[in-house]
mmCIF file of all heavy atoms, coordinates in Angstrom:
data_MODEL
# 
_entry.id   MODEL 
# 
loop_
_atom_site.group_PDB 
_atom_site.id 
_atom_site.type_symbol 
_atom_site.label_atom_id 
_atom_site.label_alt_id 
_atom_site.label_comp_id 
_atom_site.label_asym_id 
_atom_site.label_entity_id 
_atom_site.label_seq_id 
_atom_site.pdbx_PDB_ins_code 
_atom_site.Cartn_x 
_atom_site.Cartn_y 
_atom_site.Cartn_z 
_atom_site.occupancy 
_atom_site.B_iso_or_equiv 
_atom_site.pdbx_formal_charge 
_atom_site.auth_seq_id 
_atom_site.auth_comp_id 
_atom_site.auth_asym_id 
_atom_site.auth_atom_id 
_atom_site.pdbx_PDB_model_num 
ATOM 1   N N   . ASP A 1 1  ? 6.157   -4.328  11.847  1.00 0.00 ? 1  ASP A N   1 
ATOM 2   C CA  . ASP A 1 1  ? 7.371   -5.089  11.556  1.00 0.00 ? 1  ASP A CA  1 
ATOM 3   C C   . ASP A 1 1  ? 7.108   -6.500  11.042  1.00 0.00 ? 1  ASP A C   1 
ATOM 4   O O   . ASP A 1 1  ? 7.944   -7.070  10.337  1.00 0.00 ? 1  ASP A O   1 
ATOM 5   C CB  . ASP A 1 1  ? 8.245   -5.178  12.814  1.00 0.00 ? 1  ASP A CB  1 
ATOM 6   C CG  . ASP A 1 1  ? 8.793   -3.828  13.250  1.00 0.00 ? 1  ASP A CG  1 
ATOM 7   O OD1 . ASP A 1 1  ? 8.828   -2.912  12.405  1.00 0.00 ? 1  ASP A OD1 1 
ATOM 8   O OD2 . ASP A 1 1  ? 9.158   -3.700  14.440  1.00 0.00 ? 1  ASP A OD2 1 
ATOM 9   N N   . HIS A 1 2  ? 5.952   -7.081  11.368  1.00 0.00 ? 2  HIS A N   1 
ATOM 10  C CA  . HIS A 1 2  ? 5.760   -8.510  11.097  1.00 0.00 ? 2  HIS A CA  1 
ATOM 11  C C   . HIS A 1 2  ? 4.523   -8.889  10.289  1.00 0.00 ? 2  HIS A C   1 
ATOM 12  O O   . HIS A 1 2  ? 4.480   -9.991  9.741   1.00 0.00 ? 2  HIS A O   1 
ATOM 13  C CB  . HIS A 1 2  ? 5.705   -9.275  12.430  1.00 0.00 ? 2  HIS A CB  1 
ATOM 14  C CG  . HIS A 1 2  ? 6.939   -9.150  13.255  1.00 0.00 ? 2  HIS A CG  1 
ATOM 15  N ND1 . HIS A 1 2  ? 8.105   -9.831  12.956  1.00 0.00 ? 2  HIS A ND1 1 
ATOM 16  C CD2 . HIS A 1 2  ? 7.198   -8.413  14.368  1.00 0.00 ? 2  HIS A CD2 1 
ATOM 17  C CE1 . HIS A 1 2  ? 9.036   -9.518  13.858  1.00 0.00 ? 2  HIS A CE1 1 
ATOM 18  N NE2 . HIS A 1 2  ? 8.513   -8.669  14.720  1.00 0.00 ? 2  HIS A NE2 1 
ATOM 19  N N   . LEU A 1 3  ? 3.519   -8.013  10.224  1.00 0.00 ? 3  LEU A N   1 
ATOM 20  C CA  . LEU A 1 3  ? 2.237   -8.412  9.660   1.00 0.00 ? 3  LEU A CA  1 
ATOM 21  C C   . LEU A 1 3  ? 1.890   -7.608  8.412   1.00 0.00 ? 3  LEU A C   1 
ATOM 22  O O   . LEU A 1 3  ? 2.193   -6.422  8.312   1.00 0.00 ? 3  LEU A O   1 
ATOM 23  C CB  . LEU A 1 3  ? 1.122   -8.228  10.698  1.00 0.00 ? 3  LEU A CB  1 
ATOM 24  C CG  . LEU A 1 3  ? 1.358   -8.832  12.089  1.00 0.00 ? 3  LEU A CG  1 
ATOM 25  C CD1 . LEU A 1 3  ? 0.145   -8.609  12.972  1.00 0.00 ? 3  LEU A CD1 1 
ATOM 26  C CD2 . LEU A 1 3  ? 1.701   -10.305 11.996  1.00 0.00 ? 3  LEU A CD2 1 
ATOM 27  N N   . GLY A 1 4  ? 1.229   -8.287  7.466   1.00 0.00 ? 4  GLY A N   1 
ATOM 28  C CA  . GLY A 1 4  ? 0.701   -7.627  6.283   1.00 0.00 ? 4  GLY A CA  1 
ATOM 29  C C   . GLY A 1 4  ? -0.804  -7.810  6.229   1.00 0.00 ? 4  GLY A C   1 
ATOM 30  O O   . GLY A 1 4  ? -1.339  -8.798  6.748   1.00 0.00 ? 4  GLY A O   1 
ATOM 31  N N   . PHE A 1 5  ? -1.503  -6.862  5.582   1.00 0.00 ? 5  PHE A N   1 
ATOM 32  C CA  . PHE A 1 5  ? -2.959  -6.899  5.527   1.00 0.00 ? 5  PHE A CA  1 
ATOM 33  C C   . PHE A 1 5  ? -3.458  -6.640  4.111   1.00 0.00 ? 5  PHE A C   1 
ATOM 34  O O   . PHE A 1 5  ? -2.954  -5.759  3.412   1.00 0.00 ? 5  PHE A O   1 
ATOM 35  C CB  . PHE A 1 5  ? -3.568  -5.849  6.465   1.00 0.00 ? 5  PHE A CB  1 
ATOM 36  C CG  . PHE A 1 5  ? -3.272  -6.086  7.922   1.00 0.00 ? 5  PHE A CG  1 
ATOM 37  C CD1 . PHE A 1 5  ? -2.134  -5.552  8.506   1.00 0.00 ? 5  PHE A CD1 1 
ATOM 38  C CD2 . PHE A 1 5  ? -4.113  -6.859  8.697   1.00 0.00 ? 5  PHE A CD2 1 
ATOM 39  C CE1 . PHE A 1 5  ? -1.844  -5.772  9.836   1.00 0.00 ? 5  PHE A CE1 1 
ATOM 40  C CE2 . PHE A 1 5  ? -3.836  -7.090  10.035  1.00 0.00 ? 5  PHE A CE2 1 
ATOM 41  C CZ  . PHE A 1 5  ? -2.708  -6.547  10.609  1.00 0.00 ? 5  PHE A CZ  1 
ATOM 42  N N   . ILE A 1 6  ? -4.452  -7.433  3.697   1.00 0.00 ? 6  ILE A N   1 
ATOM 43  C CA  . ILE A 1 6  ? -5.146  -7.215  2.439   1.00 0.00 ? 6  ILE A CA  1 
ATOM 44  C C   . ILE A 1 6  ? -6.635  -7.244  2.751   1.00 0.00 ? 6  ILE A C   1 
ATOM 45  O O   . ILE A 1 6  ? -7.143  -8.217  3.315   1.00 0.00 ? 6  ILE A O   1 
ATOM 46  C CB  . ILE A 1 6  ? -4.805  -8.299  1.405   1.00 0.00 ? 6  ILE A CB  1 
ATOM 47  C CG1 . ILE A 1 6  ? -3.293  -8.314  1.122   1.00 0.00 ? 6  ILE A CG1 1 
ATOM 48  C CG2 . ILE A 1 6  ? -5.588  -8.077  0.107   1.00 0.00 ? 6  ILE A CG2 1 
ATOM 49  C CD1 . ILE A 1 6  ? -2.834  -9.537  0.369   1.00 0.00 ? 6  ILE A CD1 1 
ATOM 50  N N   . PHE A 1 7  ? -7.340  -6.172  2.370   1.00 0.00 ? 7  PHE A N   1 
ATOM 51  C CA  . PHE A 1 7  ? -8.755  -6.055  2.699   1.00 0.00 ? 7  PHE A CA  1 
ATOM 52  C C   . PHE A 1 7  ? -9.608  -6.098  1.435   1.00 0.00 ? 7  PHE A C   1 
ATOM 53  O O   . PHE A 1 7  ? -9.098  -6.019  0.315   1.00 0.00 ? 7  PHE A O   1 
ATOM 54  C CB  . PHE A 1 7  ? -9.017  -4.749  3.459   1.00 0.00 ? 7  PHE A CB  1 
ATOM 55  C CG  . PHE A 1 7  ? -8.279  -4.645  4.765   1.00 0.00 ? 7  PHE A CG  1 
ATOM 56  C CD1 . PHE A 1 7  ? -7.119  -3.896  4.870   1.00 0.00 ? 7  PHE A CD1 1 
ATOM 57  C CD2 . PHE A 1 7  ? -8.736  -5.311  5.895   1.00 0.00 ? 7  PHE A CD2 1 
ATOM 58  C CE1 . PHE A 1 7  ? -6.423  -3.803  6.072   1.00 0.00 ? 7  PHE A CE1 1 
ATOM 59  C CE2 . PHE A 1 7  ? -8.056  -5.228  7.101   1.00 0.00 ? 7  PHE A CE2 1 
ATOM 60  C CZ  . PHE A 1 7  ? -6.890  -4.474  7.187   1.00 0.00 ? 7  PHE A CZ  1 
ATOM 61  N N   . GLN A 1 8  ? -10.913 -6.207  1.635   1.00 0.00 ? 8  GLN A N   1 
ATOM 62  C CA  . GLN A 1 8  ? -11.836 -6.207  0.499   1.00 0.00 ? 8  GLN A CA  1 
ATOM 63  C C   . GLN A 1 8  ? -11.749 -4.877  -0.241  1.00 0.00 ? 8  GLN A C   1 
ATOM 64  O O   . GLN A 1 8  ? -11.782 -4.833  -1.471  1.00 0.00 ? 8  GLN A O   1 
ATOM 65  C CB  . GLN A 1 8  ? -13.267 -6.454  0.978   1.00 0.00 ? 8  GLN A CB  1 
ATOM 66  C CG  . GLN A 1 8  ? -14.298 -6.513  -0.138  1.00 0.00 ? 8  GLN A CG  1 
ATOM 67  C CD  . GLN A 1 8  ? -15.677 -6.908  0.368   1.00 0.00 ? 8  GLN A CD  1 
ATOM 68  O OE1 . GLN A 1 8  ? -15.817 -7.482  1.449   1.00 0.00 ? 8  GLN A OE1 1 
ATOM 69  N NE2 . GLN A 1 8  ? -16.695 -6.595  -0.394  1.00 0.00 ? 8  GLN A NE2 1 
ATOM 70  N N   . GLN A 1 9  ? -11.647 -3.786  0.511   1.00 0.00 ? 9  GLN A N   1 
ATOM 71  C CA  . GLN A 1 9  ? -11.442 -2.476  -0.098  1.00 0.00 ? 9  GLN A CA  1 
ATOM 72  C C   . GLN A 1 9  ? -9.948  -2.281  -0.345  1.00 0.00 ? 9  GLN A C   1 
ATOM 73  O O   . GLN A 1 9  ? -9.121  -2.625  0.496   1.00 0.00 ? 9  GLN A O   1 
ATOM 74  C CB  . GLN A 1 9  ? -11.971 -1.370  0.822   1.00 0.00 ? 9  GLN A CB  1 
ATOM 75  C CG  . GLN A 1 9  ? -13.454 -1.505  1.149   1.00 0.00 ? 9  GLN A CG  1 
ATOM 76  C CD  . GLN A 1 9  ? -14.323 -1.502  -0.093  1.00 0.00 ? 9  GLN A CD  1 
ATOM 77  O OE1 . GLN A 1 9  ? -14.093 -0.726  -1.011  1.00 0.00 ? 9  GLN A OE1 1 
ATOM 78  N NE2 . GLN A 1 9  ? -15.323 -2.380  -0.130  1.00 0.00 ? 9  GLN A NE2 1 
ATOM 79  N N   . TYR A 1 10 ? -9.602  -1.720  -1.476  1.00 0.00 ? 10 TYR A N   1 
ATOM 80  C CA  . TYR A 1 10 ? -8.201  -1.685  -1.895  1.00 0.00 ? 10 TYR A CA  1 
ATOM 81  C C   . TYR A 1 10 ? -7.374  -0.686  -1.093  1.00 0.00 ? 10 TYR A C   1 
ATOM 82  O O   . TYR A 1 10 ? -6.176  -0.863  -0.904  1.00 0.00 ? 10 TYR A O   1 
ATOM 83  C CB  . TYR A 1 10 ? -8.106  -1.354  -3.389  1.00 0.00 ? 10 TYR A CB  1 
ATOM 84  C CG  . TYR A 1 10 ? -9.145  -2.063  -4.229  1.00 0.00 ? 10 TYR A CG  1 
ATOM 85  C CD1 . TYR A 1 10 ? -9.984  -1.350  -5.084  1.00 0.00 ? 10 TYR A CD1 1 
ATOM 86  C CD2 . TYR A 1 10 ? -9.313  -3.446  -4.138  1.00 0.00 ? 10 TYR A CD2 1 
ATOM 87  C CE1 . TYR A 1 10 ? -10.952 -2.001  -5.837  1.00 0.00 ? 10 TYR A CE1 1 
ATOM 88  C CE2 . TYR A 1 10 ? -10.278 -4.098  -4.887  1.00 0.00 ? 10 TYR A CE2 1 
ATOM 89  C CZ  . TYR A 1 10 ? -11.099 -3.366  -5.734  1.00 0.00 ? 10 TYR A CZ  1 
ATOM 90  O OH  . TYR A 1 10 ? -12.059 -4.010  -6.472  1.00 0.00 ? 10 TYR A OH  1 
ATOM 91  N N   . ASN A 1 11 ? -8.003  0.403   -0.619  1.00 0.00 ? 11 ASN A N   1 
ATOM 92  C CA  . ASN A 1 11 ? -7.322  1.393   0.220   1.00 0.00 ? 11 ASN A CA  1 
ATOM 93  C C   . ASN A 1 11 ? -6.061  1.953   -0.432  1.00 0.00 ? 11 ASN A C   1 
ATOM 94  O O   . ASN A 1 11 ? -5.046  2.163   0.238   1.00 0.00 ? 11 ASN A O   1 
ATOM 95  C CB  . ASN A 1 11 ? -6.982  0.791   1.593   1.00 0.00 ? 11 ASN A CB  1 
ATOM 96  C CG  . ASN A 1 11 ? -8.211  0.373   2.371   1.00 0.00 ? 11 ASN A CG  1 
ATOM 97  O OD1 . ASN A 1 11 ? -9.208  1.083   2.391   1.00 0.00 ? 11 ASN A OD1 1 
ATOM 98  N ND2 . ASN A 1 11 ? -8.155  -0.799  2.995   1.00 0.00 ? 11 ASN A ND2 1 
ATOM 99  N N   . LEU A 1 12 ? -6.120  2.178   -1.733  1.00 0.00 ? 12 LEU A N   1 
ATOM 100 C CA  . LEU A 1 12 ? -4.995  2.789   -2.437  1.00 0.00 ? 12 LEU A CA  1 
ATOM 101 C C   . LEU A 1 12 ? -5.113  4.311   -2.371  1.00 0.00 ? 12 LEU A C   1 
ATOM 102 O O   . LEU A 1 12 ? -6.216  4.863   -2.309  1.00 0.00 ? 12 LEU A O   1 
ATOM 103 C CB  . LEU A 1 12 ? -4.965  2.339   -3.901  1.00 0.00 ? 12 LEU A CB  1 
ATOM 104 C CG  . LEU A 1 12 ? -4.874  0.831   -4.140  1.00 0.00 ? 12 LEU A CG  1 
ATOM 105 C CD1 . LEU A 1 12 ? -4.854  0.535   -5.637  1.00 0.00 ? 12 LEU A CD1 1 
ATOM 106 C CD2 . LEU A 1 12 ? -3.641  0.237   -3.473  1.00 0.00 ? 12 LEU A CD2 1 
ATOM 107 N N   . LEU A 1 13 ? -3.970  4.984   -2.398  1.00 0.00 ? 13 LEU A N   1 
ATOM 108 C CA  . LEU A 1 13 ? -3.966  6.442   -2.435  1.00 0.00 ? 13 LEU A CA  1 
ATOM 109 C C   . LEU A 1 13 ? -4.097  6.891   -3.886  1.00 0.00 ? 13 LEU A C   1 
ATOM 110 O O   . LEU A 1 13 ? -3.252  6.571   -4.723  1.00 0.00 ? 13 LEU A O   1 
ATOM 111 C CB  . LEU A 1 13 ? -2.682  6.985   -1.801  1.00 0.00 ? 13 LEU A CB  1 
ATOM 112 C CG  . LEU A 1 13 ? -2.530  6.674   -0.305  1.00 0.00 ? 13 LEU A CG  1 
ATOM 113 C CD1 . LEU A 1 13 ? -1.232  7.252   0.231   1.00 0.00 ? 13 LEU A CD1 1 
ATOM 114 C CD2 . LEU A 1 13 ? -3.711  7.219   0.487   1.00 0.00 ? 13 LEU A CD2 1 
ATOM 115 N N   . GLN A 1 14 ? -5.164  7.623   -4.159  1.00 0.00 ? 14 GLN A N   1 
ATOM 116 C CA  . GLN A 1 14 ? -5.522  7.929   -5.538  1.00 0.00 ? 14 GLN A CA  1 
ATOM 117 C C   . GLN A 1 14 ? -4.551  8.878   -6.228  1.00 0.00 ? 14 GLN A C   1 
ATOM 118 O O   . GLN A 1 14 ? -4.474  8.910   -7.456  1.00 0.00 ? 14 GLN A O   1 
ATOM 119 C CB  . GLN A 1 14 ? -6.938  8.520   -5.577  1.00 0.00 ? 14 GLN A CB  1 
ATOM 120 C CG  . GLN A 1 14 ? -8.017  7.561   -5.092  1.00 0.00 ? 14 GLN A CG  1 
ATOM 121 C CD  . GLN A 1 14 ? -8.100  6.291   -5.937  1.00 0.00 ? 14 GLN A CD  1 
ATOM 122 O OE1 . GLN A 1 14 ? -8.181  6.362   -7.165  1.00 0.00 ? 14 GLN A OE1 1 
ATOM 123 N NE2 . GLN A 1 14 ? -8.066  5.132   -5.289  1.00 0.00 ? 14 GLN A NE2 1 
ATOM 124 N N   . ASN A 1 15 ? -3.809  9.654   -5.455  1.00 0.00 ? 15 ASN A N   1 
ATOM 125 C CA  . ASN A 1 15 ? -2.876  10.605  -6.050  1.00 0.00 ? 15 ASN A CA  1 
ATOM 126 C C   . ASN A 1 15 ? -1.467  10.038  -6.213  1.00 0.00 ? 15 ASN A C   1 
ATOM 127 O O   . ASN A 1 15 ? -0.546  10.768  -6.582  1.00 0.00 ? 15 ASN A O   1 
ATOM 128 C CB  . ASN A 1 15 ? -2.823  11.890  -5.215  1.00 0.00 ? 15 ASN A CB  1 
ATOM 129 C CG  . ASN A 1 15 ? -2.325  11.650  -3.803  1.00 0.00 ? 15 ASN A CG  1 
ATOM 130 O OD1 . ASN A 1 15 ? -2.486  10.548  -3.271  1.00 0.00 ? 15 ASN A OD1 1 
ATOM 131 N ND2 . ASN A 1 15 ? -1.723  12.649  -3.187  1.00 0.00 ? 15 ASN A ND2 1 
ATOM 132 N N   . LEU A 1 16 ? -1.307  8.751   -5.936  1.00 0.00 ? 16 LEU A N   1 
ATOM 133 C CA  . LEU A 1 16 ? -0.013  8.087   -6.098  1.00 0.00 ? 16 LEU A CA  1 
ATOM 134 C C   . LEU A 1 16 ? -0.106  7.043   -7.196  1.00 0.00 ? 16 LEU A C   1 
ATOM 135 O O   . LEU A 1 16 ? -1.161  6.429   -7.410  1.00 0.00 ? 16 LEU A O   1 
ATOM 136 C CB  . LEU A 1 16 ? 0.426   7.414   -4.795  1.00 0.00 ? 16 LEU A CB  1 
ATOM 137 C CG  . LEU A 1 16 ? 0.650   8.318   -3.587  1.00 0.00 ? 16 LEU A CG  1 
ATOM 138 C CD1 . LEU A 1 16 ? 1.151   7.487   -2.403  1.00 0.00 ? 16 LEU A CD1 1 
ATOM 139 C CD2 . LEU A 1 16 ? 1.644   9.438   -3.898  1.00 0.00 ? 16 LEU A CD2 1 
ATOM 140 N N   . THR A 1 17 ? 1.005   6.814   -7.881  1.00 0.00 ? 17 THR A N   1 
ATOM 141 C CA  . THR A 1 17 ? 1.055   5.797   -8.931  1.00 0.00 ? 17 THR A CA  1 
ATOM 142 C C   . THR A 1 17 ? 1.079   4.404   -8.312  1.00 0.00 ? 17 THR A C   1 
ATOM 143 O O   . THR A 1 17 ? 1.210   4.249   -7.089  1.00 0.00 ? 17 THR A O   1 
ATOM 144 C CB  . THR A 1 17 ? 2.307   5.968   -9.793  1.00 0.00 ? 17 THR A CB  1 
ATOM 145 O OG1 . THR A 1 17 ? 3.471   5.720   -8.973  1.00 0.00 ? 17 THR A OG1 1 
ATOM 146 C CG2 . THR A 1 17 ? 2.390   7.361   -10.399 1.00 0.00 ? 17 THR A CG2 1 
ATOM 147 N N   . VAL A 1 18 ? 0.955   3.401   -9.168  1.00 0.00 ? 18 VAL A N   1 
ATOM 148 C CA  . VAL A 1 18 ? 1.061   2.014   -8.723  1.00 0.00 ? 18 VAL A CA  1 
ATOM 149 C C   . VAL A 1 18 ? 2.370   1.805   -7.973  1.00 0.00 ? 18 VAL A C   1 
ATOM 150 O O   . VAL A 1 18 ? 2.384   1.254   -6.861  1.00 0.00 ? 18 VAL A O   1 
ATOM 151 C CB  . VAL A 1 18 ? 0.976   1.054   -9.936  1.00 0.00 ? 18 VAL A CB  1 
ATOM 152 C CG1 . VAL A 1 18 ? 1.423   -0.350  -9.540  1.00 0.00 ? 18 VAL A CG1 1 
ATOM 153 C CG2 . VAL A 1 18 ? -0.438  1.028   -10.497 1.00 0.00 ? 18 VAL A CG2 1 
ATOM 154 N N   . TYR A 1 19 ? 3.472   2.236   -8.561  1.00 0.00 ? 19 TYR A N   1 
ATOM 155 C CA  . TYR A 1 19 ? 4.789   2.055   -7.929  1.00 0.00 ? 19 TYR A CA  1 
ATOM 156 C C   . TYR A 1 19 ? 4.822   2.742   -6.564  1.00 0.00 ? 19 TYR A C   1 
ATOM 157 O O   . TYR A 1 19 ? 5.290   2.164   -5.579  1.00 0.00 ? 19 TYR A O   1 
ATOM 158 C CB  . TYR A 1 19 ? 5.877   2.635   -8.830  1.00 0.00 ? 19 TYR A CB  1 
ATOM 159 C CG  . TYR A 1 19 ? 7.286   2.377   -8.334  1.00 0.00 ? 19 TYR A CG  1 
ATOM 160 C CD1 . TYR A 1 19 ? 8.012   1.293   -8.807  1.00 0.00 ? 19 TYR A CD1 1 
ATOM 161 C CD2 . TYR A 1 19 ? 7.886   3.213   -7.391  1.00 0.00 ? 19 TYR A CD2 1 
ATOM 162 C CE1 . TYR A 1 19 ? 9.305   1.041   -8.353  1.00 0.00 ? 19 TYR A CE1 1 
ATOM 163 C CE2 . TYR A 1 19 ? 9.165   2.970   -6.929  1.00 0.00 ? 19 TYR A CE2 1 
ATOM 164 C CZ  . TYR A 1 19 ? 9.880   1.886   -7.420  1.00 0.00 ? 19 TYR A CZ  1 
ATOM 165 O OH  . TYR A 1 19 ? 11.150  1.636   -6.962  1.00 0.00 ? 19 TYR A OH  1 
ATOM 166 N N   . GLU A 1 20 ? 4.309   3.973   -6.491  1.00 0.00 ? 20 GLU A N   1 
ATOM 167 C CA  . GLU A 1 20 ? 4.363   4.741   -5.246  1.00 0.00 ? 20 GLU A CA  1 
ATOM 168 C C   . GLU A 1 20 ? 3.468   4.130   -4.179  1.00 0.00 ? 20 GLU A C   1 
ATOM 169 O O   . GLU A 1 20 ? 3.808   4.162   -2.983  1.00 0.00 ? 20 GLU A O   1 
ATOM 170 C CB  . GLU A 1 20 ? 3.964   6.188   -5.527  1.00 0.00 ? 20 GLU A CB  1 
ATOM 171 C CG  . GLU A 1 20 ? 5.003   6.941   -6.354  1.00 0.00 ? 20 GLU A CG  1 
ATOM 172 C CD  . GLU A 1 20 ? 4.473   8.254   -6.910  1.00 0.00 ? 20 GLU A CD  1 
ATOM 173 O OE1 . GLU A 1 20 ? 3.226   8.415   -7.006  1.00 0.00 ? 20 GLU A OE1 1 
ATOM 174 O OE2 . GLU A 1 20 ? 5.296   9.113   -7.258  1.00 0.00 ? 20 GLU A OE2 1 
ATOM 175 N N   . ASN A 1 21 ? 2.322   3.567   -4.573  1.00 0.00 ? 21 ASN A N   1 
ATOM 176 C CA  . ASN A 1 21 ? 1.471   2.886   -3.596  1.00 0.00 ? 21 ASN A CA  1 
ATOM 177 C C   . ASN A 1 21 ? 2.168   1.683   -2.998  1.00 0.00 ? 21 ASN A C   1 
ATOM 178 O O   . ASN A 1 21 ? 2.078   1.432   -1.790  1.00 0.00 ? 21 ASN A O   1 
ATOM 179 C CB  . ASN A 1 21 ? 0.149   2.466   -4.255  1.00 0.00 ? 21 ASN A CB  1 
ATOM 180 C CG  . ASN A 1 21 ? -0.957  3.492   -4.107  1.00 0.00 ? 21 ASN A CG  1 
ATOM 181 O OD1 . ASN A 1 21 ? -1.559  3.622   -3.039  1.00 0.00 ? 21 ASN A OD1 1 
ATOM 182 N ND2 . ASN A 1 21 ? -1.217  4.241   -5.173  1.00 0.00 ? 21 ASN A ND2 1 
ATOM 183 N N   . VAL A 1 22 ? 2.867   0.916   -3.828  1.00 0.00 ? 22 VAL A N   1 
ATOM 184 C CA  . VAL A 1 22 ? 3.604   -0.242  -3.324  1.00 0.00 ? 22 VAL A CA  1 
ATOM 185 C C   . VAL A 1 22 ? 4.769   0.213   -2.448  1.00 0.00 ? 22 VAL A C   1 
ATOM 186 O O   . VAL A 1 22 ? 5.098   -0.419  -1.434  1.00 0.00 ? 22 VAL A O   1 
ATOM 187 C CB  . VAL A 1 22 ? 4.105   -1.115  -4.486  1.00 0.00 ? 22 VAL A CB  1 
ATOM 188 C CG1 . VAL A 1 22 ? 4.943   -2.294  -3.961  1.00 0.00 ? 22 VAL A CG1 1 
ATOM 189 C CG2 . VAL A 1 22 ? 2.924   -1.649  -5.292  1.00 0.00 ? 22 VAL A CG2 1 
ATOM 190 N N   . GLN A 1 23 ? 5.364   1.345   -2.802  1.00 0.00 ? 23 GLN A N   1 
ATOM 191 C CA  . GLN A 1 23 ? 6.506   1.857   -2.036  1.00 0.00 ? 23 GLN A CA  1 
ATOM 192 C C   . GLN A 1 23 ? 6.118   2.209   -0.601  1.00 0.00 ? 23 GLN A C   1 
ATOM 193 O O   . GLN A 1 23 ? 6.950   2.146   0.310   1.00 0.00 ? 23 GLN A O   1 
ATOM 194 C CB  . GLN A 1 23 ? 7.079   3.080   -2.741  1.00 0.00 ? 23 GLN A CB  1 
ATOM 195 C CG  . GLN A 1 23 ? 8.412   3.552   -2.185  1.00 0.00 ? 23 GLN A CG  1 
ATOM 196 C CD  . GLN A 1 23 ? 9.011   4.654   -3.026  1.00 0.00 ? 23 GLN A CD  1 
ATOM 197 O OE1 . GLN A 1 23 ? 8.315   5.431   -3.679  1.00 0.00 ? 23 GLN A OE1 1 
ATOM 198 N NE2 . GLN A 1 23 ? 10.332  4.725   -3.038  1.00 0.00 ? 23 GLN A NE2 1 
ATOM 199 N N   . ILE A 1 24 ? 4.842   2.545   -0.389  1.00 0.00 ? 24 ILE A N   1 
ATOM 200 C CA  . ILE A 1 24 ? 4.381   2.831   0.974   1.00 0.00 ? 24 ILE A CA  1 
ATOM 201 C C   . ILE A 1 24 ? 4.654   1.632   1.883   1.00 0.00 ? 24 ILE A C   1 
ATOM 202 O O   . ILE A 1 24 ? 5.124   1.774   3.016   1.00 0.00 ? 24 ILE A O   1 
ATOM 203 C CB  . ILE A 1 24 ? 2.876   3.170   0.967   1.00 0.00 ? 24 ILE A CB  1 
ATOM 204 C CG1 . ILE A 1 24 ? 2.645   4.519   0.305   1.00 0.00 ? 24 ILE A CG1 1 
ATOM 205 C CG2 . ILE A 1 24 ? 2.322   3.176   2.396   1.00 0.00 ? 24 ILE A CG2 1 
ATOM 206 C CD1 . ILE A 1 24 ? 1.178   4.856   0.127   1.00 0.00 ? 24 ILE A CD1 1 
ATOM 207 N N   . GLY A 1 25 ? 4.339   0.424   1.390   1.00 0.00 ? 25 GLY A N   1 
ATOM 208 C CA  . GLY A 1 25 ? 4.628   -0.775  2.166   1.00 0.00 ? 25 GLY A CA  1 
ATOM 209 C C   . GLY A 1 25 ? 6.116   -0.999  2.336   1.00 0.00 ? 25 GLY A C   1 
ATOM 210 O O   . GLY A 1 25 ? 6.595   -1.359  3.419   1.00 0.00 ? 25 GLY A O   1 
ATOM 211 N N   . SER A 1 26 ? 6.872   -0.747  1.270   1.00 0.00 ? 26 SER A N   1 
ATOM 212 C CA  . SER A 1 26 ? 8.318   -0.941  1.308   1.00 0.00 ? 26 SER A CA  1 
ATOM 213 C C   . SER A 1 26 ? 8.988   -0.038  2.326   1.00 0.00 ? 26 SER A C   1 
ATOM 214 O O   . SER A 1 26 ? 9.949   -0.431  2.998   1.00 0.00 ? 26 SER A O   1 
ATOM 215 C CB  . SER A 1 26 ? 8.884   -0.668  -0.096  1.00 0.00 ? 26 SER A CB  1 
ATOM 216 O OG  . SER A 1 26 ? 10.277  -0.816  -0.124  1.00 0.00 ? 26 SER A OG  1 
ATOM 217 N N   . ASP A 1 27 ? 8.470   1.180   2.470   1.00 0.00 ? 27 ASP A N   1 
ATOM 218 C CA  . ASP A 1 27 ? 9.095   2.162   3.369   1.00 0.00 ? 27 ASP A CA  1 
ATOM 219 C C   . ASP A 1 27 ? 8.852   1.851   4.843   1.00 0.00 ? 27 ASP A C   1 
ATOM 220 O O   . ASP A 1 27 ? 9.447   2.506   5.713   1.00 0.00 ? 27 ASP A O   1 
ATOM 221 C CB  . ASP A 1 27 ? 8.562   3.564   3.060   1.00 0.00 ? 27 ASP A CB  1 
ATOM 222 C CG  . ASP A 1 27 ? 9.086   4.106   1.736   1.00 0.00 ? 27 ASP A CG  1 
ATOM 223 O OD1 . ASP A 1 27 ? 10.072  3.551   1.215   1.00 0.00 ? 27 ASP A OD1 1 
ATOM 224 O OD2 . ASP A 1 27 ? 8.493   5.081   1.219   1.00 0.00 ? 27 ASP A OD2 1 
ATOM 225 N N   . LEU A 1 28 ? 8.007   0.866   5.146   1.00 0.00 ? 28 LEU A N   1 
ATOM 226 C CA  . LEU A 1 28 ? 7.691   0.544   6.534   1.00 0.00 ? 28 LEU A CA  1 
ATOM 227 C C   . LEU A 1 28 ? 8.707   -0.388  7.185   1.00 0.00 ? 28 LEU A C   1 
ATOM 228 O O   . LEU A 1 28 ? 8.617   -0.663  8.374   1.00 0.00 ? 28 LEU A O   1 
ATOM 229 C CB  . LEU A 1 28 ? 6.299   -0.099  6.620   1.00 0.00 ? 28 LEU A CB  1 
ATOM 230 C CG  . LEU A 1 28 ? 5.110   0.805   6.307   1.00 0.00 ? 28 LEU A CG  1 
ATOM 231 C CD1 . LEU A 1 28 ? 3.825   -0.007  6.281   1.00 0.00 ? 28 LEU A CD1 1 
ATOM 232 C CD2 . LEU A 1 28 ? 5.008   1.943   7.328   1.00 0.00 ? 28 LEU A CD2 1 
# 
């Protein structure tokens, strides 16, 4: 609910588009 994280490794889901990867954060 309160914290965001950015790491050295990008940890993106390879089968999702840029928009869909960002949407993962939005859906939380």
